[in-house]
Amino acid sequence: MASLRPLDDRVVLKVLDAEEKTAGGILLPDSAQEKPQRGKITAVGNGKLNKDGKRMALDVKKGDVVLFGKYAGSDVKVDGTDYKILRESEILAKVEG
């Protein structure tokens, strides 16, 4: 099994499935489901180098569930599993609770 190790301020996340139901409980067909914009981080890079040559730590860590822009990052497939690689700055928020 191959593993991904992102560089600098990039993260690898497993895209979580789109919601199949509305808040009211109505089932949505595949064509009506929105493109997933949530993912669980599976790996993080070491951080970006600042002007002094020191690494700046990322604000996210492995296991965090995050929201990202609809067209953010790059989609990759490894061993049949879909992943997304994006920069930390493309992450909009962490899902807490």
Protein backbone atom coordinates (compact mmCIF):
# COMPACT_ATOMS: atom_id res chain seq x y z
CA MET A 1 0.00 0.00 0.00
CA ALA A 2 1.39 3.39 -0.99
CA SER A 3 1.31 6.32 1.39
CA LEU A 4 1.37 10.03 0.64
CA ARG A 5 3.64 12.49 2.44
CA PRO A 6 2.78 16.07 1.53
CA LEU A 7 5.49 18.71 1.24
CA ASP A 8 5.68 22.13 2.90
CA ASP A 9 2.25 23.54 3.85
CA ARG A 10 0.21 20.95 1.97
CA VAL A 11 -2.20 18.44 3.48
CA VAL A 12 -3.68 15.18 2.18
CA LEU A 13 -7.29 14.49 3.01
CA LYS A 14 -9.83 11.79 2.31
CA VAL A 15 -12.93 13.40 0.86
CA LEU A 16 -16.05 12.59 2.88
CA ASP A 17 -19.19 11.59 1.02
CA ALA A 18 -21.84 14.16 0.15
CA GLU A 19 -24.97 14.31 2.25
CA GLU A 20 -27.59 11.90 0.95
CA LYS A 21 -30.43 13.48 2.95
CA THR A 22 -31.58 17.02 3.55
CA ALA A 23 -31.99 18.36 7.08
CA GLY A 24 -35.70 17.50 6.74
CA GLY A 25 -34.91 13.87 5.91
CA ILE A 26 -35.57 13.95 2.15
CA LEU A 27 -33.35 11.54 0.21
CA LEU A 28 -31.37 13.20 -2.59
CA PRO A 29 -30.58 11.41 -5.86
CA ASP A 30 -26.90 11.33 -6.91
CA SER A 31 -27.47 14.07 -9.50
CA ALA A 32 -28.78 16.49 -6.85
CA GLN A 33 -26.02 15.90 -4.31
CA GLU A 34 -23.48 18.68 -4.06
CA LYS A 35 -19.79 18.06 -4.68
CA PRO A 36 -18.31 17.08 -1.29
CA GLN A 37 -16.50 19.90 0.46
CA ARG A 38 -15.55 18.11 3.67
CA GLY A 39 -12.59 15.89 4.27
CA LYS A 40 -10.62 14.15 6.99
CA ILE A 41 -6.91 14.94 7.03
CA THR A 42 -4.75 11.83 6.63
CA ALA A 43 -1.31 13.50 6.43
CA VAL A 44 0.23 16.96 6.86
CA GLY A 45 3.47 18.47 5.59
CA ASN A 46 6.24 19.87 7.80
CA GLY A 47 5.17 23.48 7.24
CA LYS A 48 6.29 26.29 5.00
CA LEU A 49 9.73 27.86 5.37
CA ASN A 50 9.67 31.47 6.56
CA LYS A 51 12.21 34.15 5.63
CA ASP A 52 14.52 33.03 8.45
CA GLY A 53 14.60 29.46 7.12
CA LYS A 54 12.50 28.06 9.97
CA ARG A 55 9.43 25.86 9.48
CA MET A 56 6.07 27.37 10.44
CA ALA A 57 3.80 24.76 12.02
CA LEU A 58 0.40 24.09 10.46
CA ASP A 59 -2.84 24.84 12.34
CA VAL A 60 -4.35 21.49 11.31
CA LYS A 61 -3.30 17.95 12.18
CA LYS A 62 -3.96 14.39 11.10
CA GLY A 63 -7.53 13.37 11.96
CA ASP A 64 -9.05 16.87 11.72
CA VAL A 65 -12.24 17.21 9.66
CA VAL A 66 -12.09 20.35 7.52
CA LEU A 67 -14.11 22.31 4.99
CA PHE A 68 -12.52 23.43 1.72
CA GLY A 69 -13.52 25.32 -1.39
CA LYS A 70 -15.46 23.51 -4.11
CA TYR A 71 -12.57 23.65 -6.60
CA ALA A 72 -9.62 23.68 -4.15
CA GLY A 73 -6.62 21.40 -4.41
CA SER A 74 -5.81 18.49 -6.68
CA ASP A 75 -7.66 15.18 -6.80
CA VAL A 76 -5.55 12.00 -6.72
CA LYS A 77 -6.37 8.30 -6.51
CA VAL A 78 -4.07 5.93 -4.60
CA ASP A 79 -4.83 2.21 -4.31
CA GLY A 80 -8.43 2.86 -5.41
CA THR A 81 -9.09 5.53 -2.75
CA ASP A 82 -9.80 9.16 -3.65
CA TYR A 83 -7.72 11.83 -1.91
CA LYS A 84 -7.31 15.56 -2.28
CA ILE A 85 -4.02 17.42 -1.85
CA LEU A 86 -4.27 21.10 -1.01
CA ARG A 87 -2.42 23.90 0.70
CA GLU A 88 -3.36 24.83 4.25
CA SER A 89 -4.46 28.25 2.97
CA GLU A 90 -7.16 26.54 0.86
CA ILE A 91 -8.79 25.11 4.00
CA LEU A 92 -11.74 27.28 5.01
CA ALA A 93 -12.45 25.90 8.50
CA LYS A 94 -12.05 23.01 10.93
CA VAL A 95 -15.22 21.16 11.93
CA GLU A 96 -15.33 20.93 15.73
CA GLY A 97 -17.58 18.91 17.96
